[in-house]
Amino acid sequence: MIELSKEQGQALAAAKEIPPMVLDPESRETYVLVKSAVFDRIKLLLRDDDVALSKREVAVLVERAMKEYDADDPTLELYQHD
């Protein structure tokens, strides 16, 4: 696991993109950062086995993930009113 420095943590908290994106300056590769709890739910959607999720199960997972992102979105209220 990579531990963020204090400055990186502050930059992450101030990020305007939801979910936040980071750039590896050496490889120029872009990464999307999601909370581990959200990633665990997303992994269910990406499983490569014979167990498929129903549309309802997918909808519930997406709704939960969006609630977490929306909770940290300072502009959400503006979007909802426009």
C-alpha atoms as a PDB file:
ATOM      1  CA  MET A   1       0.000   0.000   0.000  1.00  0.00           C
ATOM      2  CA  ILE A   2       1.190   3.510  -0.791  1.00  0.00           C
ATOM      3  CA  GLU A   3       0.718   5.983   2.051  1.00  0.00           C
ATOM      4  CA  LEU A   4      -0.100   9.544   1.073  1.00  0.00           C
ATOM      5  CA  SER A   5       1.935  12.414   2.466  1.00  0.00           C
ATOM      6  CA  LYS A   6       0.101  15.117   4.405  1.00  0.00           C
ATOM      7  CA  GLU A   7       0.237  17.376   1.342  1.00  0.00           C
ATOM      8  CA  GLN A   8      -1.112  14.634  -0.934  1.00  0.00           C
ATOM      9  CA  GLY A   9      -3.953  13.948   1.508  1.00  0.00           C
ATOM     10  CA  GLN A  10      -4.849  17.640   1.492  1.00  0.00           C
ATOM     11  CA  ALA A  11      -4.745  17.716  -2.316  1.00  0.00           C
ATOM     12  CA  LEU A  12      -6.976  14.643  -2.427  1.00  0.00           C
ATOM     13  CA  ALA A  13      -9.470  16.259  -0.046  1.00  0.00           C
ATOM     14  CA  ALA A  14      -9.510  19.403  -2.194  1.00  0.00           C
ATOM     15  CA  ALA A  15      -9.853  17.558  -5.518  1.00  0.00           C
ATOM     16  CA  LYS A  16     -12.688  18.787  -7.706  1.00  0.00           C
ATOM     17  CA  GLU A  17     -13.068  15.578  -9.718  1.00  0.00           C
ATOM     18  CA  ILE A  18     -15.310  12.937  -8.226  1.00  0.00           C
ATOM     19  CA  PRO A  19     -13.833  10.413  -8.052  1.00  0.00           C
ATOM     20  CA  PRO A  20     -10.418  12.059  -7.827  1.00  0.00           C
ATOM     21  CA  MET A  21      -7.837  11.309 -10.494  1.00  0.00           C
ATOM     22  CA  VAL A  22      -4.062  11.241 -10.096  1.00  0.00           C
ATOM     23  CA  LEU A  23      -1.286  11.325 -12.671  1.00  0.00           C
ATOM     24  CA  ASP A  24       1.948   9.338 -12.486  1.00  0.00           C
ATOM     25  CA  PRO A  25       4.456  11.900 -13.797  1.00  0.00           C
ATOM     26  CA  GLU A  26       6.906   9.227 -14.931  1.00  0.00           C
ATOM     27  CA  SER A  27       4.577   6.966 -16.922  1.00  0.00           C
ATOM     28  CA  ARG A  28       1.952   9.669 -17.659  1.00  0.00           C
ATOM     29  CA  GLU A  29      -0.634   7.063 -16.605  1.00  0.00           C
ATOM     30  CA  THR A  30      -3.832   8.362 -14.979  1.00  0.00           C
ATOM     31  CA  TYR A  31      -5.425   6.597 -12.018  1.00  0.00           C
ATOM     32  CA  VAL A  32      -8.898   6.954 -10.507  1.00  0.00           C
ATOM     33  CA  LEU A  33      -9.059   6.857  -6.708  1.00  0.00           C
ATOM     34  CA  VAL A  34     -12.067   5.310  -5.016  1.00  0.00           C
ATOM     35  CA  LYS A  35     -12.586   4.399  -1.377  1.00  0.00           C
ATOM     36  CA  SER A  36     -11.838   0.762  -0.635  1.00  0.00           C
ATOM     37  CA  ALA A  37     -15.457   0.080   0.391  1.00  0.00           C
ATOM     38  CA  VAL A  38     -16.657   1.368  -2.981  1.00  0.00           C
ATOM     39  CA  PHE A  39     -14.012  -0.663  -4.814  1.00  0.00           C
ATOM     40  CA  ASP A  40     -15.087  -3.815  -2.990  1.00  0.00           C
ATOM     41  CA  ARG A  41     -18.617  -3.300  -4.294  1.00  0.00           C
ATOM     42  CA  ILE A  42     -17.375  -2.537  -7.807  1.00  0.00           C
ATOM     43  CA  LYS A  43     -15.323  -5.748  -7.812  1.00  0.00           C
ATOM     44  CA  LEU A  44     -18.583  -7.667  -7.589  1.00  0.00           C
ATOM     45  CA  LEU A  45     -19.543  -6.207 -10.951  1.00  0.00           C
ATOM     46  CA  LEU A  46     -16.238  -7.249 -12.492  1.00  0.00           C
ATOM     47  CA  ARG A  47     -16.174 -10.851 -11.307  1.00  0.00           C
ATOM     48  CA  ASP A  48     -15.218 -13.406 -13.905  1.00  0.00           C
ATOM     49  CA  ASP A  49     -17.303 -16.300 -12.725  1.00  0.00           C
ATOM     50  CA  ASP A  50     -20.636 -17.863 -13.538  1.00  0.00           C
ATOM     51  CA  VAL A  51     -22.544 -15.905 -10.918  1.00  0.00           C
ATOM     52  CA  ALA A  52     -24.144 -12.891 -12.542  1.00  0.00           C
ATOM     53  CA  LEU A  53     -25.720 -10.039 -10.641  1.00  0.00           C
ATOM     54  CA  SER A  54     -29.313  -9.142 -11.339  1.00  0.00           C
ATOM     55  CA  LYS A  55     -30.174  -5.687 -12.638  1.00  0.00           C
ATOM     56  CA  ARG A  56     -31.593  -4.923  -9.200  1.00  0.00           C
ATOM     57  CA  GLU A  57     -28.336  -5.912  -7.461  1.00  0.00           C
ATOM     58  CA  VAL A  58     -26.332  -3.750  -9.850  1.00  0.00           C
ATOM     59  CA  ALA A  59     -28.709  -0.829  -9.285  1.00  0.00           C
ATOM     60  CA  VAL A  60     -28.330  -1.131  -5.498  1.00  0.00           C
ATOM     61  CA  LEU A  61     -24.524  -1.178  -5.762  1.00  0.00           C
ATOM     62  CA  VAL A  62     -24.460   1.837  -8.073  1.00  0.00           C
ATOM     63  CA  GLU A  63     -26.854   3.750  -5.813  1.00  0.00           C
ATOM     64  CA  ARG A  64     -24.682   3.081  -2.745  1.00  0.00           C
ATOM     65  CA  ALA A  65     -21.525   4.167  -4.555  1.00  0.00           C
ATOM     66  CA  MET A  66     -23.139   7.353  -5.842  1.00  0.00           C
ATOM     67  CA  LYS A  67     -24.422   8.279  -2.364  1.00  0.00           C
ATOM     68  CA  GLU A  68     -20.840   8.190  -1.075  1.00  0.00           C
ATOM     69  CA  TYR A  69     -19.571  10.348  -3.926  1.00  0.00           C
ATOM     70  CA  ASP A  70     -22.525  12.734  -3.652  1.00  0.00           C
ATOM     71  CA  ALA A  71     -21.896  13.207   0.072  1.00  0.00           C
ATOM     72  CA  ASP A  72     -18.523  14.797  -0.742  1.00  0.00           C
ATOM     73  CA  ASP A  73     -19.713  16.863  -3.719  1.00  0.00           C
ATOM     74  CA  PRO A  74     -20.010  20.546  -2.766  1.00  0.00           C
ATOM     75  CA  THR A  75     -21.768  21.353  -6.069  1.00  0.00           C
ATOM     76  CA  LEU A  76     -24.426  18.624  -5.867  1.00  0.00           C
ATOM     77  CA  GLU A  77     -27.140  20.984  -4.678  1.00  0.00           C
ATOM     78  CA  LEU A  78     -26.521  23.257  -7.688  1.00  0.00           C
ATOM     79  CA  TYR A  79     -26.888  20.287 -10.071  1.00  0.00           C
ATOM     80  CA  GLN A  80     -30.130  19.205  -8.428  1.00  0.00           C
ATOM     81  CA  HIS A  81     -31.720  22.646  -8.768  1.00  0.00           C
ATOM     82  CA  ASP A  82     -30.700  23.288 -12.384  1.00  0.00           C
END
